[in-house]
Amino acid sequence: FAQDSRTVRYGELNLNDEEGADTLIRRVEQAADVVCGDYAGTKNLRETACVGRCEVTSTQNAIQAIGHPVVTSRYYGRRPNVTIEGSWDPDPNAAVEVRRR
């Protein structure tokens, strides 16, 4: 494993917008690749399964920690019928820690 955690910053993203939510999801998934030890090259079946489980669990935990309805719905493939009224104003210092599980 390369590292135990990685901070993903997203304060500049508009999470109420699908594009911003999708960008954050990609960043979280890339961070999960790093912390779970995904690497190019040959892996046996057990290593592949272990890395895959780690990536999914780490990504899901980070998405849950972010707690934004648009990000959650985009990650799980649903389109919510939600009206957001200023509760998710951009925070330039917003970040989430992606941890290996």
PDB file of N, CA and C in Angstrom:
ATOM      1  N   PHE A   1       0.841  -1.189   0.000  1.00  0.00           N
ATOM      2  CA  PHE A   1       0.000   0.000   0.000  1.00  0.00           C
ATOM      3  C   PHE A   1       0.879   1.242   0.000  1.00  0.00           C
ATOM      4  N   ALA A   2       0.509   2.195  -0.821  1.00  0.00           N
ATOM      5  CA  ALA A   2       1.331   3.384  -0.993  1.00  0.00           C
ATOM      6  C   ALA A   2       1.238   4.332   0.203  1.00  0.00           C
ATOM      7  N   GLN A   3       0.055   4.577   0.697  1.00  0.00           N
ATOM      8  CA  GLN A   3      -0.130   5.484   1.830  1.00  0.00           C
ATOM      9  C   GLN A   3      -1.460   5.169   2.489  1.00  0.00           C
ATOM     10  N   ASP A   4      -1.638   5.602   3.748  1.00  0.00           N
ATOM     11  CA  ASP A   4      -2.861   5.290   4.482  1.00  0.00           C
ATOM     12  C   ASP A   4      -4.038   6.173   4.119  1.00  0.00           C
ATOM     13  N   SER A   5      -3.755   7.413   3.720  1.00  0.00           N
ATOM     14  CA  SER A   5      -4.854   8.315   3.368  1.00  0.00           C
ATOM     15  C   SER A   5      -4.362   9.380   2.397  1.00  0.00           C
ATOM     16  N   ARG A   6      -5.309  10.031   1.791  1.00  0.00           N
ATOM     17  CA  ARG A   6      -5.000  11.116   0.862  1.00  0.00           C
ATOM     18  C   ARG A   6      -6.133  12.140   0.952  1.00  0.00           C
ATOM     19  N   THR A   7      -5.784  13.408   1.056  1.00  0.00           N
ATOM     20  CA  THR A   7      -6.785  14.466   1.134  1.00  0.00           C
ATOM     21  C   THR A   7      -7.176  14.904  -0.271  1.00  0.00           C
ATOM     22  N   VAL A   8      -8.486  14.959  -0.496  1.00  0.00           N
ATOM     23  CA  VAL A   8      -9.029  15.407  -1.778  1.00  0.00           C
ATOM     24  C   VAL A   8      -9.706  16.757  -1.539  1.00  0.00           C
ATOM     25  N   ARG A   9      -9.173  17.790  -2.139  1.00  0.00           N
ATOM     26  CA  ARG A   9      -9.733  19.132  -1.988  1.00  0.00           C
ATOM     27  C   ARG A   9     -10.765  19.375  -3.084  1.00  0.00           C
ATOM     28  N   TYR A  10     -11.858  20.036  -2.689  1.00  0.00           N
ATOM     29  CA  TYR A  10     -12.926  20.270  -3.657  1.00  0.00           C
ATOM     30  C   TYR A  10     -13.658  21.587  -3.447  1.00  0.00           C
ATOM     31  N   GLY A  11     -13.055  22.482  -2.705  1.00  0.00           N
ATOM     32  CA  GLY A  11     -13.704  23.753  -2.386  1.00  0.00           C
ATOM     33  C   GLY A  11     -14.063  24.597  -3.585  1.00  0.00           C
ATOM     34  N   GLU A  12     -13.353  24.416  -4.700  1.00  0.00           N
ATOM     35  CA  GLU A  12     -13.629  25.232  -5.888  1.00  0.00           C
ATOM     36  C   GLU A  12     -14.743  24.650  -6.752  1.00  0.00           C
ATOM     37  N   LEU A  13     -15.228  23.448  -6.407  1.00  0.00           N
ATOM     38  CA  LEU A  13     -16.249  22.796  -7.225  1.00  0.00           C
ATOM     39  C   LEU A  13     -17.655  23.202  -6.796  1.00  0.00           C
ATOM     40  N   ASN A  14     -18.546  23.328  -7.757  1.00  0.00           N
ATOM     41  CA  ASN A  14     -19.958  23.545  -7.476  1.00  0.00           C
ATOM     42  C   ASN A  14     -20.610  22.175  -7.399  1.00  0.00           C
ATOM     43  N   LEU A  15     -20.852  21.688  -6.192  1.00  0.00           N
ATOM     44  CA  LEU A  15     -21.394  20.349  -6.020  1.00  0.00           C
ATOM     45  C   LEU A  15     -22.878  20.261  -6.332  1.00  0.00           C
ATOM     46  N   ASN A  16     -23.532  21.391  -6.510  1.00  0.00           N
ATOM     47  CA  ASN A  16     -24.935  21.384  -6.924  1.00  0.00           C
ATOM     48  C   ASN A  16     -25.057  21.109  -8.411  1.00  0.00           C
ATOM     49  N   ASP A  17     -23.949  21.150  -9.114  1.00  0.00           N
ATOM     50  CA  ASP A  17     -23.885  20.926 -10.553  1.00  0.00           C
ATOM     51  C   ASP A  17     -23.376  19.505 -10.801  1.00  0.00           C
ATOM     52  N   GLU A  18     -23.971  18.798 -11.753  1.00  0.00           N
ATOM     53  CA  GLU A  18     -23.563  17.420 -12.036  1.00  0.00           C
ATOM     54  C   GLU A  18     -22.090  17.339 -12.432  1.00  0.00           C
ATOM     55  N   GLU A  19     -21.609  18.294 -13.183  1.00  0.00           N
ATOM     56  CA  GLU A  19     -20.213  18.288 -13.604  1.00  0.00           C
ATOM     57  C   GLU A  19     -19.279  18.394 -12.400  1.00  0.00           C
ATOM     58  N   GLY A  20     -19.607  19.295 -11.472  1.00  0.00           N
ATOM     59  CA  GLY A  20     -18.795  19.435 -10.266  1.00  0.00           C
ATOM     60  C   GLY A  20     -18.833  18.177  -9.415  1.00  0.00           C
ATOM     61  N   ALA A  21     -20.017  17.583  -9.263  1.00  0.00           N
ATOM     62  CA  ALA A  21     -20.154  16.350  -8.490  1.00  0.00           C
ATOM     63  C   ALA A  21     -19.352  15.217  -9.137  1.00  0.00           C
ATOM     64  N   ASP A  22     -19.449  15.096 -10.460  1.00  0.00           N
ATOM     65  CA  ASP A  22     -18.716  14.042 -11.173  1.00  0.00           C
ATOM     66  C   ASP A  22     -17.203  14.232 -11.058  1.00  0.00           C
ATOM     67  N   THR A  23     -16.756  15.486 -11.096  1.00  0.00           N
ATOM     68  CA  THR A  23     -15.327  15.768 -10.941  1.00  0.00           C
ATOM     69  C   THR A  23     -14.848  15.321  -9.567  1.00  0.00           C
ATOM     70  N   LEU A  24     -15.625  15.617  -8.535  1.00  0.00           N
ATOM     71  CA  LEU A  24     -15.252  15.209  -7.179  1.00  0.00           C
ATOM     72  C   LEU A  24     -15.226  13.686  -7.066  1.00  0.00           C
ATOM     73  N   ILE A  25     -16.202  13.018  -7.640  1.00  0.00           N
ATOM     74  CA  ILE A  25     -16.229  11.553  -7.588  1.00  0.00           C
ATOM     75  C   ILE A  25     -14.981  10.977  -8.244  1.00  0.00           C
ATOM     76  N   ARG A  26     -14.589  11.520  -9.394  1.00  0.00           N
ATOM     77  CA  ARG A  26     -13.361  11.048 -10.063  1.00  0.00           C
ATOM     78  C   ARG A  26     -12.144  11.252  -9.171  1.00  0.00           C
ATOM     79  N   ARG A  27     -12.064  12.407  -8.522  1.00  0.00           N
ATOM     80  CA  ARG A  27     -10.934  12.688  -7.633  1.00  0.00           C
ATOM     81  C   ARG A  27     -10.891  11.689  -6.478  1.00  0.00           C
ATOM     82  N   VAL A  28     -12.045  11.403  -5.901  1.00  0.00           N
ATOM     83  CA  VAL A  28     -12.115  10.458  -4.787  1.00  0.00           C
ATOM     84  C   VAL A  28     -11.705   9.062  -5.261  1.00  0.00           C
ATOM     85  N   GLU A  29     -12.189   8.652  -6.424  1.00  0.00           N
ATOM     86  CA  GLU A  29     -11.831   7.336  -6.955  1.00  0.00           C
ATOM     87  C   GLU A  29     -10.331   7.246  -7.249  1.00  0.00           C
ATOM     88  N   GLN A  30      -9.752   8.319  -7.756  1.00  0.00           N
ATOM     89  CA  GLN A  30      -8.308   8.324  -8.016  1.00  0.00           C
ATOM     90  C   GLN A  30      -7.525   8.248  -6.712  1.00  0.00           C
ATOM     91  N   ALA A  31      -8.004   8.948  -5.688  1.00  0.00           N
ATOM     92  CA  ALA A  31      -7.342   8.883  -4.379  1.00  0.00           C
ATOM     93  C   ALA A  31      -7.444   7.468  -3.802  1.00  0.00           C
ATOM     94  N   ALA A  32      -8.587   6.824  -3.987  1.00  0.00           N
ATOM     95  CA  ALA A  32      -8.762   5.452  -3.509  1.00  0.00           C
ATOM     96  C   ALA A  32      -7.794   4.509  -4.226  1.00  0.00           C
ATOM     97  N   ASP A  33      -7.564   4.746  -5.518  1.00  0.00           N
ATOM     98  CA  ASP A  33      -6.574   3.943  -6.250  1.00  0.00           C
ATOM     99  C   ASP A  33      -5.208   4.048  -5.585  1.00  0.00           C
ATOM    100  N   VAL A  34      -4.833   5.265  -5.204  1.00  0.00           N
ATOM    101  CA  VAL A  34      -3.518   5.502  -4.603  1.00  0.00           C
ATOM    102  C   VAL A  34      -3.426   4.854  -3.224  1.00  0.00           C
ATOM    103  N   VAL A  35      -4.417   5.090  -2.361  1.00  0.00           N
ATOM    104  CA  VAL A  35      -4.316   4.586  -0.989  1.00  0.00           C
ATOM    105  C   VAL A  35      -4.523   3.079  -0.905  1.00  0.00           C
ATOM    106  N   CYS A  36      -5.176   2.509  -1.890  1.00  0.00           N
ATOM    107  CA  CYS A  36      -5.410   1.059  -1.860  1.00  0.00           C
ATOM    108  C   CYS A  36      -4.333   0.283  -2.596  1.00  0.00           C
ATOM    109  N   GLY A  37      -3.383   0.980  -3.185  1.00  0.00           N
ATOM    110  CA  GLY A  37      -2.257   0.305  -3.791  1.00  0.00           C
ATOM    111  C   GLY A  37      -2.501  -0.228  -5.181  1.00  0.00           C
ATOM    112  N   ASP A  38      -3.430   0.372  -5.912  1.00  0.00           N
ATOM    113  CA  ASP A  38      -3.647  -0.065  -7.293  1.00  0.00           C
ATOM    114  C   ASP A  38      -2.431   0.337  -8.112  1.00  0.00           C
ATOM    115  N   TYR A  39      -1.867  -0.599  -8.818  1.00  0.00           N
ATOM    116  CA  TYR A  39      -0.670  -0.341  -9.607  1.00  0.00           C
ATOM    117  C   TYR A  39      -0.741  -1.127 -10.906  1.00  0.00           C
ATOM    118  N   ALA A  40      -0.002  -0.664 -11.870  1.00  0.00           N
ATOM    119  CA  ALA A  40       0.076  -1.378 -13.140  1.00  0.00           C
ATOM    120  C   ALA A  40       0.926  -2.621 -12.958  1.00  0.00           C
ATOM    121  N   GLY A  41       0.668  -3.601 -13.733  1.00  0.00           N
ATOM    122  CA  GLY A  41       1.461  -4.820 -13.650  1.00  0.00           C
ATOM    123  C   GLY A  41       0.608  -6.008 -13.275  1.00  0.00           C
ATOM    124  N   THR A  42       1.256  -7.120 -13.167  1.00  0.00           N
ATOM    125  CA  THR A  42       0.550  -8.369 -12.897  1.00  0.00           C
ATOM    126  C   THR A  42       0.205  -8.496 -11.428  1.00  0.00           C
ATOM    127  N   LYS A  43      -1.032  -8.925 -11.176  1.00  0.00           N
ATOM    128  CA  LYS A  43      -1.494  -9.197  -9.819  1.00  0.00           C
ATOM    129  C   LYS A  43      -2.206 -10.540  -9.855  1.00  0.00           C
ATOM    130  N   ASN A  44      -2.116 -11.266  -8.781  1.00  0.00           N
ATOM    131  CA  ASN A  44      -2.886 -12.500  -8.730  1.00  0.00           C
ATOM    132  C   ASN A  44      -4.333 -12.157  -8.380  1.00  0.00           C
ATOM    133  N   LEU A  45      -5.198 -13.122  -8.453  1.00  0.00           N
ATOM    134  CA  LEU A  45      -6.621 -12.907  -8.237  1.00  0.00           C
ATOM    135  C   LEU A  45      -6.919 -12.363  -6.851  1.00  0.00           C
ATOM    136  N   ARG A  46      -6.229 -12.866  -5.837  1.00  0.00           N
ATOM    137  CA  ARG A  46      -6.450 -12.402  -4.468  1.00  0.00           C
ATOM    138  C   ARG A  46      -6.068 -10.928  -4.322  1.00  0.00           C
ATOM    139  N   GLU A  47      -4.927 -10.527  -4.891  1.00  0.00           N
ATOM    140  CA  GLU A  47      -4.501  -9.119  -4.827  1.00  0.00           C
ATOM    141  C   GLU A  47      -5.508  -8.219  -5.540  1.00  0.00           C
ATOM    142  N   THR A  48      -5.959  -8.653  -6.699  1.00  0.00           N
ATOM    143  CA  THR A  48      -6.934  -7.868  -7.463  1.00  0.00           C
ATOM    144  C   THR A  48      -8.222  -7.682  -6.669  1.00  0.00           C
ATOM    145  N   ALA A  49      -8.708  -8.746  -6.052  1.00  0.00           N
ATOM    146  CA  ALA A  49      -9.937  -8.672  -5.265  1.00  0.00           C
ATOM    147  C   ALA A  49      -9.753  -7.783  -4.041  1.00  0.00           C
ATOM    148  N   CYS A  50      -8.615  -7.895  -3.381  1.00  0.00           N
ATOM    149  CA  CYS A  50      -8.337  -7.093  -2.186  1.00  0.00           C
ATOM    150  C   CYS A  50      -8.285  -5.609  -2.529  1.00  0.00           C
ATOM    151  N   VAL A  51      -7.580  -5.271  -3.593  1.00  0.00           N
ATOM    152  CA  VAL A  51      -7.488  -3.873  -4.027  1.00  0.00           C
ATOM    153  C   VAL A  51      -8.870  -3.360  -4.423  1.00  0.00           C
ATOM    154  N   GLY A  52      -9.625  -4.173  -5.141  1.00  0.00           N
ATOM    155  CA  GLY A  52     -10.965  -3.762  -5.576  1.00  0.00           C
ATOM    156  C   GLY A  52     -11.885  -3.479  -4.408  1.00  0.00           C
ATOM    157  N   ARG A  53     -11.883  -4.354  -3.407  1.00  0.00           N
ATOM    158  CA  ARG A  53     -12.720  -4.138  -2.215  1.00  0.00           C
ATOM    159  C   ARG A  53     -12.299  -2.873  -1.479  1.00  0.00           C
ATOM    160  N   CYS A  54     -11.001  -2.679  -1.353  1.00  0.00           N
ATOM    161  CA  CYS A  54     -10.484  -1.492  -0.682  1.00  0.00           C
ATOM    162  C   CYS A  54     -10.928  -0.222  -1.405  1.00  0.00           C
ATOM    163  N   GLU A  55     -10.806  -0.211  -2.726  1.00  0.00           N
ATOM    164  CA  GLU A  55     -11.184   0.969  -3.510  1.00  0.00           C
ATOM    165  C   GLU A  55     -12.666   1.284  -3.355  1.00  0.00           C
ATOM    166  N   VAL A  56     -13.516   0.273  -3.438  1.00  0.00           N
ATOM    167  CA  VAL A  56     -14.960   0.492  -3.326  1.00  0.00           C
ATOM    168  C   VAL A  56     -15.312   1.009  -1.934  1.00  0.00           C
ATOM    169  N   THR A  57     -14.793   0.347  -0.908  1.00  0.00           N
ATOM    170  CA  THR A  57     -15.108   0.748   0.467  1.00  0.00           C
ATOM    171  C   THR A  57     -14.580   2.144   0.777  1.00  0.00           C
ATOM    172  N   SER A  58     -13.356   2.430   0.370  1.00  0.00           N
ATOM    173  CA  SER A  58     -12.767   3.754   0.627  1.00  0.00           C
ATOM    174  C   SER A  58     -13.551   4.848  -0.089  1.00  0.00           C
ATOM    175  N   THR A  59     -13.925   4.578  -1.327  1.00  0.00           N
ATOM    176  CA  THR A  59     -14.698   5.567  -2.101  1.00  0.00           C
ATOM    177  C   THR A  59     -16.064   5.781  -1.465  1.00  0.00           C
ATOM    178  N   GLN A  60     -16.757   4.713  -1.113  1.00  0.00           N
ATOM    179  CA  GLN A  60     -18.084   4.847  -0.499  1.00  0.00           C
ATOM    180  C   GLN A  60     -18.008   5.608   0.821  1.00  0.00           C
ATOM    181  N   ASN A  61     -16.994   5.337   1.630  1.00  0.00           N
ATOM    182  CA  ASN A  61     -16.844   6.046   2.904  1.00  0.00           C
ATOM    183  C   ASN A  61     -16.606   7.540   2.681  1.00  0.00           C
ATOM    184  N   ALA A  62     -15.799   7.883   1.680  1.00  0.00           N
ATOM    185  CA  ALA A  62     -15.538   9.296   1.388  1.00  0.00           C
ATOM    186  C   ALA A  62     -16.798   9.986   0.864  1.00  0.00           C
ATOM    187  N   ILE A  63     -17.534   9.326  -0.018  1.00  0.00           N
ATOM    188  CA  ILE A  63     -18.774   9.905  -0.552  1.00  0.00           C
ATOM    189  C   ILE A  63     -19.757  10.146   0.590  1.00  0.00           C
ATOM    190  N   GLN A  64     -19.846   9.198   1.504  1.00  0.00           N
ATOM    191  CA  GLN A  64     -20.719   9.360   2.665  1.00  0.00           C
ATOM    192  C   GLN A  64     -20.251  10.519   3.549  1.00  0.00           C
ATOM    193  N   ALA A  65     -18.943  10.647   3.735  1.00  0.00           N
ATOM    194  CA  ALA A  65     -18.392  11.731   4.566  1.00  0.00           C
ATOM    195  C   ALA A  65     -18.669  13.096   3.951  1.00  0.00           C
ATOM    196  N   ILE A  66     -18.644  13.176   2.627  1.00  0.00           N
ATOM    197  CA  ILE A  66     -18.949  14.439   1.951  1.00  0.00           C
ATOM    198  C   ILE A  66     -20.398  14.810   2.228  1.00  0.00           C
ATOM    199  N   GLY A  67     -21.292  13.845   2.108  1.00  0.00           N
ATOM    200  CA  GLY A  67     -22.681  14.038   2.509  1.00  0.00           C
ATOM    201  C   GLY A  67     -23.506  14.967   1.640  1.00  0.00           C
ATOM    202  N   HIS A  68     -23.077  15.241   0.434  1.00  0.00           N
ATOM    203  CA  HIS A  68     -23.831  16.133  -0.447  1.00  0.00           C
ATOM    204  C   HIS A  68     -24.792  15.299  -1.293  1.00  0.00           C
ATOM    205  N   PRO A  69     -26.074  15.661  -1.343  1.00  0.00           N
ATOM    206  CA  PRO A  69     -27.057  14.823  -2.045  1.00  0.00           C
ATOM    207  C   PRO A  69     -26.786  14.627  -3.538  1.00  0.00           C
ATOM    208  N   VAL A  70     -26.265  15.627  -4.223  1.00  0.00           N
ATOM    209  CA  VAL A  70     -25.989  15.480  -5.658  1.00  0.00           C
ATOM    210  C   VAL A  70     -24.805  14.542  -5.876  1.00  0.00           C
ATOM    211  N   VAL A  71     -23.767  14.683  -5.051  1.00  0.00           N
ATOM    212  CA  VAL A  71     -22.603  13.806  -5.161  1.00  0.00           C
ATOM    213  C   VAL A  71     -23.017  12.363  -4.875  1.00  0.00           C
ATOM    214  N   THR A  72     -23.785  12.162  -3.817  1.00  0.00           N
ATOM    215  CA  THR A  72     -24.238  10.816  -3.461  1.00  0.00           C
ATOM    216  C   THR A  72     -25.073  10.211  -4.578  1.00  0.00           C
ATOM    217  N   SER A  73     -26.002  10.977  -5.110  1.00  0.00           N
ATOM    218  CA  SER A  73     -26.873  10.437  -6.159  1.00  0.00           C
ATOM    219  C   SER A  73     -26.110  10.153  -7.442  1.00  0.00           C
ATOM    220  N   ARG A  74     -25.147  11.001  -7.785  1.00  0.00           N
ATOM    221  CA  ARG A  74     -24.348  10.758  -8.990  1.00  0.00           C
ATOM    222  C   ARG A  74     -23.471   9.520  -8.803  1.00  0.00           C
ATOM    223  N   TYR A  75     -22.937   9.342  -7.620  1.00  0.00           N
ATOM    224  CA  TYR A  75     -22.091   8.177  -7.370  1.00  0.00           C
ATOM    225  C   TYR A  75     -22.898   6.882  -7.470  1.00  0.00           C
ATOM    226  N   TYR A  76     -24.082   6.887  -6.886  1.00  0.00           N
ATOM    227  CA  TYR A  76     -24.897   5.674  -6.892  1.00  0.00           C
ATOM    228  C   TYR A  76     -25.820   5.584  -8.108  1.00  0.00           C
ATOM    229  N   GLY A  77     -25.715   6.549  -9.037  1.00  0.00           N
ATOM    230  CA  GLY A  77     -26.438   6.464 -10.296  1.00  0.00           C
ATOM    231  C   GLY A  77     -27.895   6.858 -10.245  1.00  0.00           C
ATOM    232  N   ARG A  78     -28.275   7.678  -9.276  1.00  0.00           N
ATOM    233  CA  ARG A  78     -29.668   8.128  -9.181  1.00  0.00           C
ATOM    234  C   ARG A  78     -29.733   9.627  -9.404  1.00  0.00           C
ATOM    235  N   ARG A  79     -30.843  10.064  -9.889  1.00  0.00           N
ATOM    236  CA  ARG A  79     -31.082  11.491 -10.052  1.00  0.00           C
ATOM    237  C   ARG A  79     -32.147  11.908  -9.041  1.00  0.00           C
ATOM    238  N   PRO A  80     -31.749  12.631  -8.006  1.00  0.00           N
ATOM    239  CA  PRO A  80     -32.726  12.985  -6.973  1.00  0.00           C
ATOM    240  C   PRO A  80     -33.632  14.120  -7.425  1.00  0.00           C
ATOM    241  N   ASN A  81     -34.787  14.160  -6.856  1.00  0.00           N
ATOM    242  CA  ASN A  81     -35.699  15.276  -7.062  1.00  0.00           C
ATOM    243  C   ASN A  81     -35.586  16.142  -5.811  1.00  0.00           C
ATOM    244  N   VAL A  82     -34.491  16.906  -5.747  1.00  0.00           N
ATOM    245  CA  VAL A  82     -34.150  17.670  -4.545  1.00  0.00           C
ATOM    246  C   VAL A  82     -33.968  19.132  -4.912  1.00  0.00           C
ATOM    247  N   THR A  83     -34.477  19.995  -4.062  1.00  0.00           N
ATOM    248  CA  THR A  83     -34.210  21.421  -4.208  1.00  0.00           C
ATOM    249  C   THR A  83     -33.273  21.828  -3.087  1.00  0.00           C
ATOM    250  N   ILE A  84     -32.134  22.400  -3.455  1.00  0.00           N
ATOM    251  CA  ILE A  84     -31.148  22.819  -2.469  1.00  0.00           C
ATOM    252  C   ILE A  84     -31.149  24.338  -2.434  1.00  0.00           C
ATOM    253  N   GLU A  85     -31.373  24.884  -1.253  1.00  0.00           N
ATOM    254  CA  GLU A  85     -31.463  26.331  -1.113  1.00  0.00           C
ATOM    255  C   GLU A  85     -30.326  26.858  -0.256  1.00  0.00           C
ATOM    256  N   GLY A  86     -29.163  27.039  -0.863  1.00  0.00           N
ATOM    257  CA  GLY A  86     -28.056  27.698  -0.194  1.00  0.00           C
ATOM    258  C   GLY A  86     -27.390  26.920   0.917  1.00  0.00           C
ATOM    259  N   SER A  87     -27.797  25.691   1.170  1.00  0.00           N
ATOM    260  CA  SER A  87     -27.188  24.947   2.267  1.00  0.00           C
ATOM    261  C   SER A  87     -25.819  24.399   1.892  1.00  0.00           C
ATOM    262  N   TRP A  88     -25.490  24.432   0.617  1.00  0.00           N
ATOM    263  CA  TRP A  88     -24.217  23.896   0.159  1.00  0.00           C
ATOM    264  C   TRP A  88     -23.426  24.958  -0.583  1.00  0.00           C
ATOM    265  N   ASP A  89     -23.293  26.112   0.021  1.00  0.00           N
ATOM    266  CA  ASP A  89     -22.486  27.158  -0.585  1.00  0.00           C
ATOM    267  C   ASP A  89     -21.038  26.687  -0.636  1.00  0.00           C
ATOM    268  N   PRO A  90     -20.330  27.025  -1.710  1.00  0.00           N
ATOM    269  CA  PRO A  90     -18.942  26.572  -1.837  1.00  0.00           C
ATOM    270  C   PRO A  90     -18.072  27.034  -0.669  1.00  0.00           C
ATOM    271  N   ASP A  91     -17.287  26.148  -0.161  1.00  0.00           N
ATOM    272  CA  ASP A  91     -16.312  26.440   0.879  1.00  0.00           C
ATOM    273  C   ASP A  91     -14.940  26.244   0.250  1.00  0.00           C
ATOM    274  N   PRO A  92     -14.146  27.298   0.094  1.00  0.00           N
ATOM    275  CA  PRO A  92     -12.865  27.155  -0.590  1.00  0.00           C
ATOM    276  C   PRO A  92     -11.897  26.209   0.117  1.00  0.00           C
ATOM    277  N   ASN A  93     -12.166  25.873   1.357  1.00  0.00           N
ATOM    278  CA  ASN A  93     -11.283  24.972   2.107  1.00  0.00           C
ATOM    279  C   ASN A  93     -11.850  23.571   2.252  1.00  0.00           C
ATOM    280  N   ALA A  94     -12.928  23.264   1.554  1.00  0.00           N
ATOM    281  CA  ALA A  94     -13.564  21.951   1.687  1.00  0.00           C
ATOM    282  C   ALA A  94     -12.612  20.850   1.228  1.00  0.00           C
ATOM    283  N   ALA A  95     -12.605  19.762   1.997  1.00  0.00           N
ATOM    284  CA  ALA A  95     -11.748  18.624   1.678  1.00  0.00           C
ATOM    285  C   ALA A  95     -12.322  17.381   2.349  1.00  0.00           C
ATOM    286  N   VAL A  96     -11.971  16.231   1.819  1.00  0.00           N
ATOM    287  CA  VAL A  96     -12.356  14.961   2.426  1.00  0.00           C
ATOM    288  C   VAL A  96     -11.118  14.070   2.465  1.00  0.00           C
ATOM    289  N   GLU A  97     -10.999  13.301   3.524  1.00  0.00           N
ATOM    290  CA  GLU A  97      -9.883  12.370   3.681  1.00  0.00           C
ATOM    291  C   GLU A  97     -10.322  11.005   3.160  1.00  0.00           C
ATOM    292  N   VAL A  98      -9.611  10.462   2.188  1.00  0.00           N
ATOM    293  CA  VAL A  98      -9.890   9.134   1.666  1.00  0.00           C
ATOM    294  C   VAL A  98      -8.919   8.182   2.370  1.00  0.00           C
ATOM    295  N   ARG A  99      -9.485   7.223   3.113  1.00  0.00           N
ATOM    296  CA  ARG A  99      -8.658   6.314   3.912  1.00  0.00           C
ATOM    297  C   ARG A  99      -8.756   4.892   3.390  1.00  0.00           C
ATOM    298  N   ARG A 100      -7.664   4.213   3.522  1.00  0.00           N
ATOM    299  CA  ARG A 100      -7.637   2.790   3.164  1.00  0.00           C
ATOM    300  C   ARG A 100      -8.443   2.017   4.171  1.00  0.00           C
ATOM    301  N   ARG A 101      -9.296   1.141   3.716  1.00  0.00           N
ATOM    302  CA  ARG A 101     -10.112   0.280   4.599  1.00  0.00           C
ATOM    303  C   ARG A 101      -9.849  -1.160   4.318  1.00  0.00           C
TER     304      ARG A 101
END
